[in-house]
Amino acid sequence: MSEKDTTTTPQIAALEAEVALAREQLAMTVDSLVDQVDPRRQADRLAQKGRRLVFDATDPASLPEDRTRARKVLVIAGAVAALVVVAVVRRATRG
């Protein structure tokens, strides 16, 4: 080791351990992001939310504010679906 090199072996070991920890944390973050953007997982989460909305809208034991919110969301979703169907039918009959 030259006089200009002041990095000691314990310092190098500490830096290597820091780099290894940072790599592990980065790998966990990437895995989490991959899981979040997976289309199958997104579809599963959306289906689960839909089932929850239907349950909240129809179950008399659910909280009144949850029931009201769920019914509003389902009405809006139904209206949007009906508009899409009308648009598709119009386009199909024109062409």
N, C-alpha and C. Protein backbone atom coordinates (compact mmCIF):
# COMPACT_ATOMS: atom_id res chain seq x y z
N MET A 1 0.83 -1.16 0.00
CA MET A 1 0.00 0.00 0.00
C MET A 1 0.89 1.24 0.00
N SER A 2 0.54 2.22 -0.82
CA SER A 2 1.34 3.45 -0.86
C SER A 2 0.89 4.40 0.24
N GLU A 3 1.70 5.42 0.49
CA GLU A 3 1.37 6.38 1.53
C GLU A 3 0.12 7.18 1.18
N LYS A 4 -0.17 7.39 -0.11
CA LYS A 4 -1.34 8.16 -0.53
C LYS A 4 -2.63 7.38 -0.33
N ASP A 5 -2.56 6.05 -0.35
CA ASP A 5 -3.75 5.21 -0.19
C ASP A 5 -4.03 5.05 1.30
N THR A 6 -5.09 5.75 1.77
CA THR A 6 -5.39 5.73 3.20
C THR A 6 -6.52 4.75 3.53
N THR A 7 -7.04 4.05 2.53
CA THR A 7 -8.11 3.10 2.76
C THR A 7 -7.52 1.83 3.37
N THR A 8 -8.07 1.44 4.50
CA THR A 8 -7.58 0.25 5.18
C THR A 8 -8.50 -0.91 4.87
N THR A 9 -8.05 -2.09 5.23
CA THR A 9 -8.84 -3.30 4.99
C THR A 9 -10.19 -3.25 5.70
N PRO A 10 -10.28 -2.81 6.94
CA PRO A 10 -11.61 -2.72 7.58
C PRO A 10 -12.54 -1.73 6.86
N GLN A 11 -11.97 -0.65 6.34
CA GLN A 11 -12.79 0.31 5.59
C GLN A 11 -13.31 -0.31 4.30
N ILE A 12 -12.47 -1.06 3.63
CA ILE A 12 -12.87 -1.73 2.40
C ILE A 12 -13.96 -2.76 2.70
N ALA A 13 -13.79 -3.50 3.76
CA ALA A 13 -14.80 -4.49 4.14
C ALA A 13 -16.13 -3.81 4.47
N ALA A 14 -16.07 -2.67 5.13
CA ALA A 14 -17.29 -1.94 5.46
C ALA A 14 -17.98 -1.43 4.20
N LEU A 15 -17.20 -0.92 3.26
CA LEU A 15 -17.76 -0.45 1.99
C LEU A 15 -18.37 -1.60 1.19
N GLU A 16 -17.69 -2.74 1.19
CA GLU A 16 -18.23 -3.91 0.47
C GLU A 16 -19.54 -4.37 1.10
N ALA A 17 -19.61 -4.33 2.43
CA ALA A 17 -20.85 -4.72 3.11
C ALA A 17 -21.97 -3.72 2.78
N GLU A 18 -21.65 -2.45 2.69
CA GLU A 18 -22.62 -1.43 2.32
C GLU A 18 -23.15 -1.65 0.92
N VAL A 19 -22.25 -1.95 0.00
CA VAL A 19 -22.64 -2.22 -1.38
C VAL A 19 -23.52 -3.46 -1.46
N ALA A 20 -23.18 -4.49 -0.73
CA ALA A 20 -23.98 -5.72 -0.72
C ALA A 20 -25.38 -5.45 -0.17
N LEU A 21 -25.48 -4.66 0.88
CA LEU A 21 -26.78 -4.31 1.45
C LEU A 21 -27.60 -3.49 0.45
N ALA A 22 -26.95 -2.53 -0.19
CA ALA A 22 -27.65 -1.70 -1.18
C ALA A 22 -28.15 -2.55 -2.34
N ARG A 23 -27.36 -3.52 -2.78
CA ARG A 23 -27.79 -4.42 -3.87
C ARG A 23 -29.00 -5.25 -3.44
N GLU A 24 -28.98 -5.74 -2.22
CA GLU A 24 -30.10 -6.55 -1.71
C GLU A 24 -31.37 -5.71 -1.62
N GLN A 25 -31.25 -4.49 -1.12
CA GLN A 25 -32.41 -3.61 -1.03
C GLN A 25 -32.95 -3.26 -2.41
N LEU A 26 -32.05 -3.02 -3.34
CA LEU A 26 -32.46 -2.71 -4.71
C LEU A 26 -33.17 -3.90 -5.35
N ALA A 27 -32.66 -5.08 -5.11
CA ALA A 27 -33.31 -6.28 -5.66
C ALA A 27 -34.71 -6.45 -5.08
N MET A 28 -34.88 -6.20 -3.79
CA MET A 28 -36.21 -6.31 -3.18
C MET A 28 -37.16 -5.26 -3.77
N THR A 29 -36.65 -4.05 -4.00
CA THR A 29 -37.48 -3.00 -4.58
C THR A 29 -37.90 -3.36 -6.00
N VAL A 30 -36.97 -3.87 -6.79
CA VAL A 30 -37.29 -4.28 -8.16
C VAL A 30 -38.31 -5.41 -8.15
N ASP A 31 -38.15 -6.38 -7.27
CA ASP A 31 -39.12 -7.48 -7.18
C ASP A 31 -40.50 -6.95 -6.82
N SER A 32 -40.56 -6.01 -5.91
CA SER A 32 -41.83 -5.43 -5.51
C SER A 32 -42.49 -4.69 -6.67
N LEU A 33 -41.70 -3.94 -7.42
CA LEU A 33 -42.23 -3.21 -8.58
C LEU A 33 -42.71 -4.17 -9.66
N VAL A 34 -41.98 -5.22 -9.90
CA VAL A 34 -42.39 -6.21 -10.89
C VAL A 34 -43.72 -6.84 -10.48
N ASP A 35 -43.87 -7.12 -9.20
CA ASP A 35 -45.12 -7.70 -8.70
C ASP A 35 -46.27 -6.72 -8.89
N GLN A 36 -46.04 -5.44 -8.66
CA GLN A 36 -47.10 -4.44 -8.78
C GLN A 36 -47.55 -4.24 -10.22
N VAL A 37 -46.66 -4.35 -11.18
CA VAL A 37 -47.04 -4.08 -12.57
C VAL A 37 -47.40 -5.35 -13.34
N ASP A 38 -47.35 -6.50 -12.70
CA ASP A 38 -47.72 -7.75 -13.35
C ASP A 38 -49.21 -7.70 -13.72
N PRO A 39 -49.55 -7.87 -14.99
CA PRO A 39 -50.95 -7.78 -15.41
C PRO A 39 -51.87 -8.76 -14.69
N ARG A 40 -51.39 -9.96 -14.42
CA ARG A 40 -52.22 -10.93 -13.71
C ARG A 40 -52.54 -10.46 -12.30
N ARG A 41 -51.54 -9.90 -11.62
CA ARG A 41 -51.76 -9.39 -10.26
C ARG A 41 -52.71 -8.19 -10.29
N GLN A 42 -52.57 -7.32 -11.29
CA GLN A 42 -53.46 -6.17 -11.40
C GLN A 42 -54.89 -6.64 -11.64
N ALA A 43 -55.07 -7.64 -12.51
CA ALA A 43 -56.40 -8.18 -12.78
C ALA A 43 -56.99 -8.81 -11.52
N ASP A 44 -56.17 -9.53 -10.77
CA ASP A 44 -56.64 -10.14 -9.52
C ASP A 44 -57.08 -9.07 -8.52
N ARG A 45 -56.27 -8.01 -8.39
CA ARG A 45 -56.63 -6.93 -7.46
C ARG A 45 -57.91 -6.23 -7.90
N LEU A 46 -58.06 -6.01 -9.21
CA LEU A 46 -59.26 -5.36 -9.71
C LEU A 46 -60.49 -6.24 -9.49
N ALA A 47 -60.36 -7.53 -9.72
CA ALA A 47 -61.48 -8.45 -9.49
C ALA A 47 -61.84 -8.48 -8.00
N GLN A 48 -60.84 -8.46 -7.16
CA GLN A 48 -61.09 -8.46 -5.71
C GLN A 48 -61.81 -7.18 -5.29
N LYS A 49 -61.42 -6.04 -5.86
CA LYS A 49 -62.10 -4.78 -5.54
C LYS A 49 -63.54 -4.82 -6.03
N GLY A 50 -63.76 -5.40 -7.21
CA GLY A 50 -65.11 -5.51 -7.74
C GLY A 50 -65.99 -6.38 -6.85
N ARG A 51 -65.46 -7.51 -6.41
CA ARG A 51 -66.21 -8.38 -5.51
C ARG A 51 -66.53 -7.66 -4.20
N ARG A 52 -65.58 -6.89 -3.71
CA ARG A 52 -65.80 -6.14 -2.47
C ARG A 52 -66.89 -5.09 -2.66
N LEU A 53 -66.89 -4.41 -3.80
CA LEU A 53 -67.92 -3.41 -4.07
C LEU A 53 -69.31 -4.05 -4.12
N VAL A 54 -69.42 -5.18 -4.81
CA VAL A 54 -70.70 -5.86 -4.89
C VAL A 54 -71.14 -6.31 -3.50
N PHE A 55 -70.22 -6.83 -2.73
CA PHE A 55 -70.53 -7.27 -1.37
C PHE A 55 -71.01 -6.09 -0.54
N ASP A 56 -70.27 -4.97 -0.58
CA ASP A 56 -70.65 -3.79 0.20
C ASP A 56 -72.01 -3.24 -0.24
N ALA A 57 -72.28 -3.30 -1.53
CA ALA A 57 -73.54 -2.75 -2.04
C ALA A 57 -74.74 -3.61 -1.67
N THR A 58 -74.54 -4.92 -1.50
CA THR A 58 -75.66 -5.82 -1.30
C THR A 58 -75.79 -6.34 0.13
N ASP A 59 -74.75 -6.25 0.91
CA ASP A 59 -74.79 -6.81 2.26
C ASP A 59 -75.42 -5.82 3.24
N PRO A 60 -76.52 -6.20 3.89
CA PRO A 60 -77.15 -5.29 4.84
C PRO A 60 -76.29 -5.03 6.07
N ALA A 61 -75.31 -5.87 6.33
CA ALA A 61 -74.46 -5.70 7.50
C ALA A 61 -73.31 -4.71 7.25
N SER A 62 -73.10 -4.30 6.00
CA SER A 62 -72.00 -3.36 5.73
C SER A 62 -72.38 -1.98 6.24
N LEU A 63 -71.38 -1.18 6.47
CA LEU A 63 -71.60 0.17 6.97
C LEU A 63 -72.39 0.98 5.95
N PRO A 64 -73.28 1.85 6.41
CA PRO A 64 -74.10 2.63 5.47
C PRO A 64 -73.29 3.47 4.49
N GLU A 65 -72.18 4.06 4.96
CA GLU A 65 -71.37 4.88 4.05
C GLU A 65 -70.66 4.01 3.01
N ASP A 66 -70.24 2.79 3.41
CA ASP A 66 -69.64 1.86 2.46
C ASP A 66 -70.67 1.39 1.44
N ARG A 67 -71.88 1.12 1.91
CA ARG A 67 -72.94 0.65 1.02
C ARG A 67 -73.30 1.74 0.00
N THR A 68 -73.42 2.98 0.49
CA THR A 68 -73.74 4.11 -0.41
C THR A 68 -72.65 4.32 -1.44
N ARG A 69 -71.41 4.31 -1.00
CA ARG A 69 -70.27 4.52 -1.91
C ARG A 69 -70.22 3.41 -2.94
N ALA A 70 -70.38 2.17 -2.50
CA ALA A 70 -70.33 1.03 -3.41
C ALA A 70 -71.44 1.11 -4.44
N ARG A 71 -72.62 1.48 -4.02
CA ARG A 71 -73.74 1.59 -4.97
C ARG A 71 -73.48 2.69 -5.99
N LYS A 72 -72.93 3.81 -5.55
CA LYS A 72 -72.61 4.90 -6.48
C LYS A 72 -71.57 4.45 -7.51
N VAL A 73 -70.54 3.78 -7.03
CA VAL A 73 -69.48 3.32 -7.94
C VAL A 73 -70.05 2.31 -8.94
N LEU A 74 -70.90 1.40 -8.47
CA LEU A 74 -71.48 0.41 -9.37
C LEU A 74 -72.42 1.04 -10.38
N VAL A 75 -73.18 2.05 -9.98
CA VAL A 75 -74.06 2.75 -10.92
C VAL A 75 -73.23 3.46 -11.99
N ILE A 76 -72.17 4.14 -11.58
CA ILE A 76 -71.31 4.83 -12.54
C ILE A 76 -70.64 3.83 -13.48
N ALA A 77 -70.14 2.72 -12.93
CA ALA A 77 -69.50 1.70 -13.77
C ALA A 77 -70.51 1.11 -14.76
N GLY A 78 -71.73 0.89 -14.31
CA GLY A 78 -72.78 0.38 -15.20
C GLY A 78 -73.10 1.36 -16.31
N ALA A 79 -73.16 2.64 -15.97
CA ALA A 79 -73.44 3.67 -16.98
C ALA A 79 -72.31 3.73 -18.01
N VAL A 80 -71.09 3.67 -17.55
CA VAL A 80 -69.94 3.69 -18.47
C VAL A 80 -69.97 2.46 -19.37
N ALA A 81 -70.25 1.30 -18.80
CA ALA A 81 -70.33 0.08 -19.60
C ALA A 81 -71.44 0.18 -20.64
N ALA A 82 -72.59 0.74 -20.26
CA ALA A 82 -73.70 0.91 -21.20
C ALA A 82 -73.31 1.86 -22.33
N LEU A 83 -72.60 2.94 -22.01
CA LEU A 83 -72.15 3.87 -23.05
C LEU A 83 -71.17 3.21 -24.01
N VAL A 84 -70.31 2.39 -23.49
CA VAL A 84 -69.35 1.68 -24.34
C VAL A 84 -70.09 0.72 -25.27
N VAL A 85 -71.06 0.00 -24.74
CA VAL A 85 -71.84 -0.93 -25.56
C VAL A 85 -72.58 -0.17 -26.66
N VAL A 86 -73.20 0.96 -26.30
CA VAL A 86 -73.92 1.76 -27.30
C VAL A 86 -72.96 2.25 -28.38
N ALA A 87 -71.79 2.72 -27.99
CA ALA A 87 -70.80 3.21 -28.96
C ALA A 87 -70.35 2.08 -29.89
N VAL A 88 -70.14 0.89 -29.35
CA VAL A 88 -69.70 -0.24 -30.17
C VAL A 88 -70.80 -0.66 -31.14
N VAL A 89 -72.02 -0.70 -30.66
CA VAL A 89 -73.15 -1.08 -31.52
C VAL A 89 -73.34 -0.04 -32.62
N ARG A 90 -73.28 1.24 -32.29
CA ARG A 90 -73.42 2.29 -33.30
C ARG A 90 -72.33 2.18 -34.37
N ARG A 91 -71.13 1.95 -33.92
CA ARG A 91 -70.01 1.86 -34.86
C ARG A 91 -70.18 0.63 -35.76
N ALA A 92 -70.65 -0.46 -35.18
CA ALA A 92 -70.83 -1.70 -35.96
C ALA A 92 -71.96 -1.54 -36.97
N THR A 93 -73.02 -0.82 -36.64
CA THR A 93 -74.14 -0.69 -37.55
C THR A 93 -73.88 0.37 -38.63
N ARG A 94 -73.01 1.28 -38.41
CA ARG A 94 -72.67 2.30 -39.42
C ARG A 94 -71.80 1.74 -40.54
N GLY A 95 -70.90 0.90 -40.18
CA GLY A 95 -69.90 0.47 -41.14
C GLY A 95 -70.24 -0.78 -41.77
